[in-house]
Amino acid sequence: AARGQFDAAAHAGLLRSLPSLLADAHQG
């Protein structure tokens, strides 16, 4: 979904989602 946001040039939406994505990837 994050790659999809980048591909759609949805920069603000992607920026909003990144902190939790990074946190959860670290946890995994």
mmCIF file of all heavy atoms, coordinates in Angstrom:
data_MODEL
# 
_entry.id   MODEL 
# 
loop_
_atom_site.group_PDB 
_atom_site.id 
_atom_site.type_symbol 
_atom_site.label_atom_id 
_atom_site.label_alt_id 
_atom_site.label_comp_id 
_atom_site.label_asym_id 
_atom_site.label_entity_id 
_atom_site.label_seq_id 
_atom_site.pdbx_PDB_ins_code 
_atom_site.Cartn_x 
_atom_site.Cartn_y 
_atom_site.Cartn_z 
_atom_site.occupancy 
_atom_site.B_iso_or_equiv 
_atom_site.pdbx_formal_charge 
_atom_site.auth_seq_id 
_atom_site.auth_comp_id 
_atom_site.auth_asym_id 
_atom_site.auth_atom_id 
_atom_site.pdbx_PDB_model_num 
ATOM 1   N N   . ALA A 1 1  ? 0.833  -1.205 0.000  1.00 0.00 ? 1  ALA A N   1 
ATOM 2   C CA  . ALA A 1 1  ? 0.000  0.000  0.000  1.00 0.00 ? 1  ALA A CA  1 
ATOM 3   C C   . ALA A 1 1  ? 0.869  1.257  0.000  1.00 0.00 ? 1  ALA A C   1 
ATOM 4   O O   . ALA A 1 1  ? 0.538  2.253  -0.677 1.00 0.00 ? 1  ALA A O   1 
ATOM 5   C CB  . ALA A 1 1  ? -0.925 -0.007 1.213  1.00 0.00 ? 1  ALA A CB  1 
ATOM 6   N N   . ALA A 1 2  ? 1.966  1.216  0.737  1.00 0.00 ? 2  ALA A N   1 
ATOM 7   C CA  . ALA A 1 2  ? 2.874  2.364  0.758  1.00 0.00 ? 2  ALA A CA  1 
ATOM 8   C C   . ALA A 1 2  ? 3.492  2.597  -0.619 1.00 0.00 ? 2  ALA A C   1 
ATOM 9   O O   . ALA A 1 2  ? 3.594  3.731  -1.089 1.00 0.00 ? 2  ALA A O   1 
ATOM 10  C CB  . ALA A 1 2  ? 3.970  2.147  1.803  1.00 0.00 ? 2  ALA A CB  1 
ATOM 11  N N   . ARG A 1 3  ? 3.888  1.500  -1.263 1.00 0.00 ? 3  ARG A N   1 
ATOM 12  C CA  . ARG A 1 3  ? 4.420  1.655  -2.630 1.00 0.00 ? 3  ARG A CA  1 
ATOM 13  C C   . ARG A 1 3  ? 3.341  2.202  -3.557 1.00 0.00 ? 3  ARG A C   1 
ATOM 14  O O   . ARG A 1 3  ? 3.620  3.002  -4.459 1.00 0.00 ? 3  ARG A O   1 
ATOM 15  C CB  . ARG A 1 3  ? 4.923  0.308  -3.149 1.00 0.00 ? 3  ARG A CB  1 
ATOM 16  C CG  . ARG A 1 3  ? 6.150  -0.228 -2.415 1.00 0.00 ? 3  ARG A CG  1 
ATOM 17  C CD  . ARG A 1 3  ? 6.734  -1.445 -3.121 1.00 0.00 ? 3  ARG A CD  1 
ATOM 18  N NE  . ARG A 1 3  ? 7.767  -2.070 -2.313 1.00 0.00 ? 3  ARG A NE  1 
ATOM 19  C CZ  . ARG A 1 3  ? 7.586  -3.141 -1.550 1.00 0.00 ? 3  ARG A CZ  1 
ATOM 20  N NH1 . ARG A 1 3  ? 6.379  -3.718 -1.514 1.00 0.00 ? 3  ARG A NH1 1 
ATOM 21  N NH2 . ARG A 1 3  ? 8.572  -3.635 -0.843 1.00 0.00 ? 3  ARG A NH2 1 
ATOM 22  N N   . GLY A 1 4  ? 2.097  1.762  -3.334 1.00 0.00 ? 4  GLY A N   1 
ATOM 23  C CA  . GLY A 1 4  ? 1.003  2.267  -4.146 1.00 0.00 ? 4  GLY A CA  1 
ATOM 24  C C   . GLY A 1 4  ? 0.796  3.761  -3.956 1.00 0.00 ? 4  GLY A C   1 
ATOM 25  O O   . GLY A 1 4  ? 0.511  4.492  -4.913 1.00 0.00 ? 4  GLY A O   1 
ATOM 26  N N   . GLN A 1 5  ? 0.940  4.236  -2.713 1.00 0.00 ? 5  GLN A N   1 
ATOM 27  C CA  . GLN A 1 5  ? 0.819  5.669  -2.466 1.00 0.00 ? 5  GLN A CA  1 
ATOM 28  C C   . GLN A 1 5  ? 1.933  6.437  -3.171 1.00 0.00 ? 5  GLN A C   1 
ATOM 29  O O   . GLN A 1 5  ? 1.695  7.512  -3.746 1.00 0.00 ? 5  GLN A O   1 
ATOM 30  C CB  . GLN A 1 5  ? 0.853  5.949  -0.962 1.00 0.00 ? 5  GLN A CB  1 
ATOM 31  C CG  . GLN A 1 5  ? -0.421 5.559  -0.231 1.00 0.00 ? 5  GLN A CG  1 
ATOM 32  C CD  . GLN A 1 5  ? -0.312 5.838  1.253  1.00 0.00 ? 5  GLN A CD  1 
ATOM 33  O OE1 . GLN A 1 5  ? 0.569  5.313  1.933  1.00 0.00 ? 5  GLN A OE1 1 
ATOM 34  N NE2 . GLN A 1 5  ? -1.201 6.676  1.765  1.00 0.00 ? 5  GLN A NE2 1 
ATOM 35  N N   . PHE A 1 6  ? 3.142  5.900  -3.130 1.00 0.00 ? 6  PHE A N   1 
ATOM 36  C CA  . PHE A 1 6  ? 4.246  6.560  -3.829 1.00 0.00 ? 6  PHE A CA  1 
ATOM 37  C C   . PHE A 1 6  ? 3.967  6.583  -5.328 1.00 0.00 ? 6  PHE A C   1 
ATOM 38  O O   . PHE A 1 6  ? 4.154  7.616  -5.994 1.00 0.00 ? 6  PHE A O   1 
ATOM 39  C CB  . PHE A 1 6  ? 5.568  5.847  -3.556 1.00 0.00 ? 6  PHE A CB  1 
ATOM 40  C CG  . PHE A 1 6  ? 6.743  6.505  -4.225 1.00 0.00 ? 6  PHE A CG  1 
ATOM 41  C CD1 . PHE A 1 6  ? 7.395  7.562  -3.610 1.00 0.00 ? 6  PHE A CD1 1 
ATOM 42  C CD2 . PHE A 1 6  ? 7.185  6.070  -5.469 1.00 0.00 ? 6  PHE A CD2 1 
ATOM 43  C CE1 . PHE A 1 6  ? 8.474  8.189  -4.241 1.00 0.00 ? 6  PHE A CE1 1 
ATOM 44  C CE2 . PHE A 1 6  ? 8.253  6.689  -6.100 1.00 0.00 ? 6  PHE A CE2 1 
ATOM 45  C CZ  . PHE A 1 6  ? 8.909  7.747  -5.481 1.00 0.00 ? 6  PHE A CZ  1 
ATOM 46  N N   . ASP A 1 7  ? 3.539  5.462  -5.862 1.00 0.00 ? 7  ASP A N   1 
ATOM 47  C CA  . ASP A 1 7  ? 3.269  5.381  -7.303 1.00 0.00 ? 7  ASP A CA  1 
ATOM 48  C C   . ASP A 1 7  ? 2.138  6.311  -7.726 1.00 0.00 ? 7  ASP A C   1 
ATOM 49  O O   . ASP A 1 7  ? 2.086  6.749  -8.883 1.00 0.00 ? 7  ASP A O   1 
ATOM 50  C CB  . ASP A 1 7  ? 2.915  3.940  -7.695 1.00 0.00 ? 7  ASP A CB  1 
ATOM 51  C CG  . ASP A 1 7  ? 4.110  3.007  -7.642 1.00 0.00 ? 7  ASP A CG  1 
ATOM 52  O OD1 . ASP A 1 7  ? 5.253  3.503  -7.654 1.00 0.00 ? 7  ASP A OD1 1 
ATOM 53  O OD2 . ASP A 1 7  ? 3.902  1.779  -7.570 1.00 0.00 ? 7  ASP A OD2 1 
ATOM 54  N N   . ALA A 1 8  ? 1.240  6.606  -6.791 1.00 0.00 ? 8  ALA A N   1 
ATOM 55  C CA  . ALA A 1 8  ? 0.122  7.504  -7.087 1.00 0.00 ? 8  ALA A CA  1 
ATOM 56  C C   . ALA A 1 8  ? 0.467  8.962  -6.796 1.00 0.00 ? 8  ALA A C   1 
ATOM 57  O O   . ALA A 1 8  ? -0.399 9.832  -6.920 1.00 0.00 ? 8  ALA A O   1 
ATOM 58  C CB  . ALA A 1 8  ? -1.102 7.095  -6.275 1.00 0.00 ? 8  ALA A CB  1 
ATOM 59  N N   . ALA A 1 9  ? 1.724  9.220  -6.405 1.00 0.00 ? 9  ALA A N   1 
ATOM 60  C CA  . ALA A 1 9  ? 2.170  10.571 -6.040 1.00 0.00 ? 9  ALA A CA  1 
ATOM 61  C C   . ALA A 1 9  ? 1.348  11.131 -4.890 1.00 0.00 ? 9  ALA A C   1 
ATOM 62  O O   . ALA A 1 9  ? 1.149  12.340 -4.773 1.00 0.00 ? 9  ALA A O   1 
ATOM 63  C CB  . ALA A 1 9  ? 2.130  11.516 -7.242 1.00 0.00 ? 9  ALA A CB  1 
ATOM 64  N N   . ALA A 1 10 ? 0.868  10.252 -4.003 1.00 0.00 ? 10 ALA A N   1 
ATOM 65  C CA  . ALA A 1 10 ? 0.109  10.664 -2.818 1.00 0.00 ? 10 ALA A CA  1 
ATOM 66  C C   . ALA A 1 10 ? 1.098  10.897 -1.677 1.00 0.00 ? 10 ALA A C   1 
ATOM 67  O O   . ALA A 1 10 ? 1.153  10.127 -0.697 1.00 0.00 ? 10 ALA A O   1 
ATOM 68  C CB  . ALA A 1 10 ? -0.922 9.605  -2.458 1.00 0.00 ? 10 ALA A CB  1 
ATOM 69  N N   . HIS A 1 11 ? 1.880  11.939 -1.792 1.00 0.00 ? 11 HIS A N   1 
ATOM 70  C CA  . HIS A 1 11 ? 3.017  12.134 -0.902 1.00 0.00 ? 11 HIS A CA  1 
ATOM 71  C C   . HIS A 1 11 ? 2.604  12.402 0.543  1.00 0.00 ? 11 HIS A C   1 
ATOM 72  O O   . HIS A 1 11 ? 3.210  11.849 1.473  1.00 0.00 ? 11 HIS A O   1 
ATOM 73  C CB  . HIS A 1 11 ? 3.888  13.277 -1.435 1.00 0.00 ? 11 HIS A CB  1 
ATOM 74  C CG  . HIS A 1 11 ? 4.392  13.021 -2.811 1.00 0.00 ? 11 HIS A CG  1 
ATOM 75  N ND1 . HIS A 1 11 ? 4.673  14.030 -3.712 1.00 0.00 ? 11 HIS A ND1 1 
ATOM 76  C CD2 . HIS A 1 11 ? 4.638  11.862 -3.481 1.00 0.00 ? 11 HIS A CD2 1 
ATOM 77  C CE1 . HIS A 1 11 ? 5.083  13.514 -4.854 1.00 0.00 ? 11 HIS A CE1 1 
ATOM 78  N NE2 . HIS A 1 11 ? 5.073  12.200 -4.734 1.00 0.00 ? 11 HIS A NE2 1 
ATOM 79  N N   . ALA A 1 12 ? 1.609  13.244 0.759  1.00 0.00 ? 12 ALA A N   1 
ATOM 80  C CA  . ALA A 1 12 ? 1.199  13.551 2.130  1.00 0.00 ? 12 ALA A CA  1 
ATOM 81  C C   . ALA A 1 12 ? 0.626  12.317 2.817  1.00 0.00 ? 12 ALA A C   1 
ATOM 82  O O   . ALA A 1 12 ? 0.922  12.052 3.990  1.00 0.00 ? 12 ALA A O   1 
ATOM 83  C CB  . ALA A 1 12 ? 0.183  14.694 2.133  1.00 0.00 ? 12 ALA A CB  1 
ATOM 84  N N   . GLY A 1 13 ? -0.186 11.554 2.105  1.00 0.00 ? 13 GLY A N   1 
ATOM 85  C CA  . GLY A 1 13 ? -0.753 10.352 2.688  1.00 0.00 ? 13 GLY A CA  1 
ATOM 86  C C   . GLY A 1 13 ? 0.313  9.341  3.053  1.00 0.00 ? 13 GLY A C   1 
ATOM 87  O O   . GLY A 1 13 ? 0.250  8.702  4.113  1.00 0.00 ? 13 GLY A O   1 
ATOM 88  N N   . LEU A 1 14 ? 1.310  9.179  2.186  1.00 0.00 ? 14 LEU A N   1 
ATOM 89  C CA  . LEU A 1 14 ? 2.403  8.253  2.481  1.00 0.00 ? 14 LEU A CA  1 
ATOM 90  C C   . LEU A 1 14 ? 3.201  8.745  3.681  1.00 0.00 ? 14 LEU A C   1 
ATOM 91  O O   . LEU A 1 14 ? 3.553  7.959  4.576  1.00 0.00 ? 14 LEU A O   1 
ATOM 92  C CB  . LEU A 1 14 ? 3.304  8.112  1.250  1.00 0.00 ? 14 LEU A CB  1 
ATOM 93  C CG  . LEU A 1 14 ? 4.560  7.247  1.419  1.00 0.00 ? 14 LEU A CG  1 
ATOM 94  C CD1 . LEU A 1 14 ? 4.216  5.859  1.936  1.00 0.00 ? 14 LEU A CD1 1 
ATOM 95  C CD2 . LEU A 1 14 ? 5.311  7.153  0.091  1.00 0.00 ? 14 LEU A CD2 1 
ATOM 96  N N   . LEU A 1 15 ? 3.481  10.031 3.724  1.00 0.00 ? 15 LEU A N   1 
ATOM 97  C CA  . LEU A 1 15 ? 4.235  10.582 4.841  1.00 0.00 ? 15 LEU A CA  1 
ATOM 98  C C   . LEU A 1 15 ? 3.503  10.349 6.155  1.00 0.00 ? 15 LEU A C   1 
ATOM 99  O O   . LEU A 1 15 ? 4.117  10.048 7.190  1.00 0.00 ? 15 LEU A O   1 
ATOM 100 C CB  . LEU A 1 15 ? 4.452  12.081 4.611  1.00 0.00 ? 15 LEU A CB  1 
ATOM 101 C CG  . LEU A 1 15 ? 5.484  12.798 5.468  1.00 0.00 ? 15 LEU A CG  1 
ATOM 102 C CD1 . LEU A 1 15 ? 6.854  12.175 5.294  1.00 0.00 ? 15 LEU A CD1 1 
ATOM 103 C CD2 . LEU A 1 15 ? 5.532  14.268 5.092  1.00 0.00 ? 15 LEU A CD2 1 
ATOM 104 N N   . ARG A 1 16 ? 2.193  10.432 6.109  1.00 0.00 ? 16 ARG A N   1 
ATOM 105 C CA  . ARG A 1 16 ? 1.387  10.227 7.318  1.00 0.00 ? 16 ARG A CA  1 
ATOM 106 C C   . ARG A 1 16 ? 1.474  8.773  7.804  1.00 0.00 ? 16 ARG A C   1 
ATOM 107 O O   . ARG A 1 16 ? 1.444  8.508  9.013  1.00 0.00 ? 16 ARG A O   1 
ATOM 108 C CB  . ARG A 1 16 ? -0.063 10.608 7.018  1.00 0.00 ? 16 ARG A CB  1 
ATOM 109 C CG  . ARG A 1 16 ? -0.989 10.572 8.231  1.00 0.00 ? 16 ARG A CG  1 
ATOM 110 C CD  . ARG A 1 16 ? -2.384 11.048 7.866  1.00 0.00 ? 16 ARG A CD  1 
ATOM 111 N NE  . ARG A 1 16 ? -2.394 12.467 7.540  1.00 0.00 ? 16 ARG A NE  1 
ATOM 112 C CZ  . ARG A 1 16 ? -2.555 12.974 6.300  1.00 0.00 ? 16 ARG A CZ  1 
ATOM 113 N NH1 . ARG A 1 16 ? -2.723 12.144 5.280  1.00 0.00 ? 16 ARG A NH1 1 
ATOM 114 N NH2 . ARG A 1 16 ? -2.549 14.262 6.086  1.00 0.00 ? 16 ARG A NH2 1 
ATOM 115 N N   . SER A 1 17 ? 1.585  7.828  6.879  1.00 0.00 ? 17 SER A N   1 
ATOM 116 C CA  . SER A 1 17 ? 1.550  6.408  7.259  1.00 0.00 ? 17 SER A CA  1 
ATOM 117 C C   . SER A 1 17 ? 2.910  5.845  7.649  1.00 0.00 ? 17 SER A C   1 
ATOM 118 O O   . SER A 1 17 ? 2.984  4.766  8.253  1.00 0.00 ? 17 SER A O   1 
ATOM 119 C CB  . SER A 1 17 ? 0.986  5.583  6.088  1.00 0.00 ? 17 SER A CB  1 
ATOM 120 O OG  . SER A 1 17 ? 1.895  5.544  4.997  1.00 0.00 ? 17 SER A OG  1 
ATOM 121 N N   . LEU A 1 18 ? 3.988  6.541  7.335  1.00 0.00 ? 18 LEU A N   1 
ATOM 122 C CA  . LEU A 1 18 ? 5.316  5.955  7.519  1.00 0.00 ? 18 LEU A CA  1 
ATOM 123 C C   . LEU A 1 18 ? 5.724  5.720  8.970  1.00 0.00 ? 18 LEU A C   1 
ATOM 124 O O   . LEU A 1 18 ? 6.336  4.680  9.267  1.00 0.00 ? 18 LEU A O   1 
ATOM 125 C CB  . LEU A 1 18 ? 6.370  6.826  6.813  1.00 0.00 ? 18 LEU A CB  1 
ATOM 126 C CG  . LEU A 1 18 ? 6.389  6.693  5.287  1.00 0.00 ? 18 LEU A CG  1 
ATOM 127 C CD1 . LEU A 1 18 ? 7.333  7.718  4.671  1.00 0.00 ? 18 LEU A CD1 1 
ATOM 128 C CD2 . LEU A 1 18 ? 6.781  5.284  4.865  1.00 0.00 ? 18 LEU A CD2 1 
ATOM 129 N N   . PRO A 1 19 ? 5.449  6.624  9.928  1.00 0.00 ? 19 PRO A N   1 
ATOM 130 C CA  . PRO A 1 19 ? 5.900  6.333  11.299 1.00 0.00 ? 19 PRO A CA  1 
ATOM 131 C C   . PRO A 1 19 ? 5.397  5.000  11.837 1.00 0.00 ? 19 PRO A C   1 
ATOM 132 O O   . PRO A 1 19 ? 6.168  4.220  12.419 1.00 0.00 ? 19 PRO A O   1 
ATOM 133 C CB  . PRO A 1 19 ? 5.357  7.526  12.097 1.00 0.00 ? 19 PRO A CB  1 
ATOM 134 C CG  . PRO A 1 19 ? 5.345  8.651  11.103 1.00 0.00 ? 19 PRO A CG  1 
ATOM 135 C CD  . PRO A 1 19 ? 4.906  7.999  9.814  1.00 0.00 ? 19 PRO A CD  1 
ATOM 136 N N   . SER A 1 20 ? 4.111  4.698  11.661 1.00 0.00 ? 20 SER A N   1 
ATOM 137 C CA  . SER A 1 20 ? 3.599  3.431  12.187 1.00 0.00 ? 20 SER A CA  1 
ATOM 138 C C   . SER A 1 20 ? 4.117  2.249  11.385 1.00 0.00 ? 20 SER A C   1 
ATOM 139 O O   . SER A 1 20 ? 4.355  1.163  11.943 1.00 0.00 ? 20 SER A O   1 
ATOM 140 C CB  . SER A 1 20 ? 2.070  3.432  12.199 1.00 0.00 ? 20 SER A CB  1 
ATOM 141 O OG  . SER A 1 20 ? 1.546  3.506  10.880 1.00 0.00 ? 20 SER A OG  1 
ATOM 142 N N   . LEU A 1 21 ? 4.324  2.437  10.084 1.00 0.00 ? 21 LEU A N   1 
ATOM 143 C CA  . LEU A 1 21 ? 4.878  1.352  9.264  1.00 0.00 ? 21 LEU A CA  1 
ATOM 144 C C   . LEU A 1 21 ? 6.287  1.002  9.736  1.00 0.00 ? 21 LEU A C   1 
ATOM 145 O O   . LEU A 1 21 ? 6.632  -0.181 9.888  1.00 0.00 ? 21 LEU A O   1 
ATOM 146 C CB  . LEU A 1 21 ? 4.888  1.766  7.795  1.00 0.00 ? 21 LEU A CB  1 
ATOM 147 C CG  . LEU A 1 21 ? 5.482  0.751  6.814  1.00 0.00 ? 21 LEU A CG  1 
ATOM 148 C CD1 . LEU A 1 21 ? 4.668  -0.533 6.794  1.00 0.00 ? 21 LEU A CD1 1 
ATOM 149 C CD2 . LEU A 1 21 ? 5.564  1.350  5.402  1.00 0.00 ? 21 LEU A CD2 1 
ATOM 150 N N   . LEU A 1 22 ? 7.105  2.008  9.989  1.00 0.00 ? 22 LEU A N   1 
ATOM 151 C CA  . LEU A 1 22 ? 8.466  1.760  10.472 1.00 0.00 ? 22 LEU A CA  1 
ATOM 152 C C   . LEU A 1 22 ? 8.440  1.097  11.845 1.00 0.00 ? 22 LEU A C   1 
ATOM 153 O O   . LEU A 1 22 ? 9.205  0.160  12.107 1.00 0.00 ? 22 LEU A O   1 
ATOM 154 C CB  . LEU A 1 22 ? 9.241  3.075  10.533 1.00 0.00 ? 22 LEU A CB  1 
ATOM 155 C CG  . LEU A 1 22 ? 9.583  3.713  9.181  1.00 0.00 ? 22 LEU A CG  1 
ATOM 156 C CD1 . LEU A 1 22 ? 10.108 5.132  9.381  1.00 0.00 ? 22 LEU A CD1 1 
ATOM 157 C CD2 . LEU A 1 22 ? 10.612 2.879  8.426  1.00 0.00 ? 22 LEU A CD2 1 
ATOM 158 N N   . ALA A 1 23 ? 7.556  1.580  12.721 1.00 0.00 ? 23 ALA A N   1 
ATOM 159 C CA  . ALA A 1 23 ? 7.474  1.002  14.070 1.00 0.00 ? 23 ALA A CA  1 
ATOM 160 C C   . ALA A 1 23 ? 7.100  -0.474 14.013 1.00 0.00 ? 23 ALA A C   1 
ATOM 161 O O   . ALA A 1 23 ? 7.696  -1.322 14.697 1.00 0.00 ? 23 ALA A O   1 
ATOM 162 C CB  . ALA A 1 23 ? 6.459  1.777  14.902 1.00 0.00 ? 23 ALA A CB  1 
ATOM 163 N N   . ASP A 1 24 ? 6.116  -0.803 13.186 1.00 0.00 ? 24 ASP A N   1 
ATOM 164 C CA  . ASP A 1 24 ? 5.655  -2.191 13.106 1.00 0.00 ? 24 ASP A CA  1 
ATOM 165 C C   . ASP A 1 24 ? 6.674  -3.081 12.403 1.00 0.00 ? 24 ASP A C   1 
ATOM 166 O O   . ASP A 1 24 ? 6.816  -4.264 12.740 1.00 0.00 ? 24 ASP A O   1 
ATOM 167 C CB  . ASP A 1 24 ? 4.306  -2.248 12.396 1.00 0.00 ? 24 ASP A CB  1 
ATOM 168 C CG  . ASP A 1 24 ? 3.199  -1.599 13.222 1.00 0.00 ? 24 ASP A CG  1 
ATOM 169 O OD1 . ASP A 1 24 ? 3.436  -1.297 14.408 1.00 0.00 ? 24 ASP A OD1 1 
ATOM 170 O OD2 . ASP A 1 24 ? 2.100  -1.370 12.679 1.00 0.00 ? 24 ASP A OD2 1 
ATOM 171 N N   . ALA A 1 25 ? 7.390  -2.532 11.432 1.00 0.00 ? 25 ALA A N   1 
ATOM 172 C CA  . ALA A 1 25 ? 8.438  -3.318 10.769 1.00 0.00 ? 25 ALA A CA  1 
ATOM 173 C C   . ALA A 1 25 ? 9.576  -3.620 11.746 1.00 0.00 ? 25 ALA A C   1 
ATOM 174 O O   . ALA A 1 25 ? 10.146 -4.716 11.746 1.00 0.00 ? 25 ALA A O   1 
ATOM 175 C CB  . ALA A 1 25 ? 8.959  -2.575 9.543  1.00 0.00 ? 25 ALA A CB  1 
ATOM 176 N N   . HIS A 1 26 ? 9.904  -2.649 12.592 1.00 0.00 ? 26 HIS A N   1 
ATOM 177 C CA  . HIS A 1 26 ? 10.921 -2.887 13.630 1.00 0.00 ? 26 HIS A CA  1 
ATOM 178 C C   . HIS A 1 26 ? 10.451 -3.977 14.584 1.00 0.00 ? 26 HIS A C   1 
ATOM 179 O O   . HIS A 1 26 ? 11.226 -4.874 14.957 1.00 0.00 ? 26 HIS A O   1 
ATOM 180 C CB  . HIS A 1 26 ? 11.191 -1.597 14.406 1.00 0.00 ? 26 HIS A CB  1 
ATOM 181 C CG  . HIS A 1 26 ? 12.301 -0.784 13.852 1.00 0.00 ? 26 HIS A CG  1 
ATOM 182 N ND1 . HIS A 1 26 ? 13.625 -1.137 13.966 1.00 0.00 ? 26 HIS A ND1 1 
ATOM 183 C CD2 . HIS A 1 26 ? 12.284 0.386  13.150 1.00 0.00 ? 26 HIS A CD2 1 
ATOM 184 C CE1 . HIS A 1 26 ? 14.394 -0.226 13.379 1.00 0.00 ? 26 HIS A CE1 1 
ATOM 185 N NE2 . HIS A 1 26 ? 13.592 0.716  12.874 1.00 0.00 ? 26 HIS A NE2 1 
ATOM 186 N N   . GLN A 1 27 ? 9.191  -3.912 14.973 1.00 0.00 ? 27 GLN A N   1 
ATOM 187 C CA  . GLN A 1 27 ? 8.676  -4.914 15.896 1.00 0.00 ? 27 GLN A CA  1 
ATOM 188 C C   . GLN A 1 27 ? 8.761  -6.316 15.276 1.00 0.00 ? 27 GLN A C   1 
ATOM 189 O O   . GLN A 1 27 ? 9.189  -7.271 15.937 1.00 0.00 ? 27 GLN A O   1 
ATOM 190 C CB  . GLN A 1 27 ? 7.232  -4.603 16.269 1.00 0.00 ? 27 GLN A CB  1 
ATOM 191 C CG  . GLN A 1 27 ? 6.644  -5.607 17.255 1.00 0.00 ? 27 GLN A CG  1 
ATOM 192 C CD  . GLN A 1 27 ? 5.161  -5.398 17.506 1.00 0.00 ? 27 GLN A CD  1 
ATOM 193 O OE1 . GLN A 1 27 ? 4.431  -5.025 16.585 1.00 0.00 ? 27 GLN A OE1 1 
ATOM 194 N NE2 . GLN A 1 27 ? 4.720  -5.614 18.728 1.00 0.00 ? 27 GLN A NE2 1 
ATOM 195 N N   . GLY A 1 28 ? 8.372  -6.429 13.993 1.00 0.00 ? 28 GLY A N   1 
ATOM 196 C CA  . GLY A 1 28 ? 8.415  -7.725 13.338 1.00 0.00 ? 28 GLY A CA  1 
ATOM 197 C C   . GLY A 1 28 ? 9.820  -8.301 13.285 1.00 0.00 ? 28 GLY A C   1 
ATOM 198 O O   . GLY A 1 28 ? 10.028 -9.487 13.562 1.00 0.00 ? 28 GLY A O   1 
# 
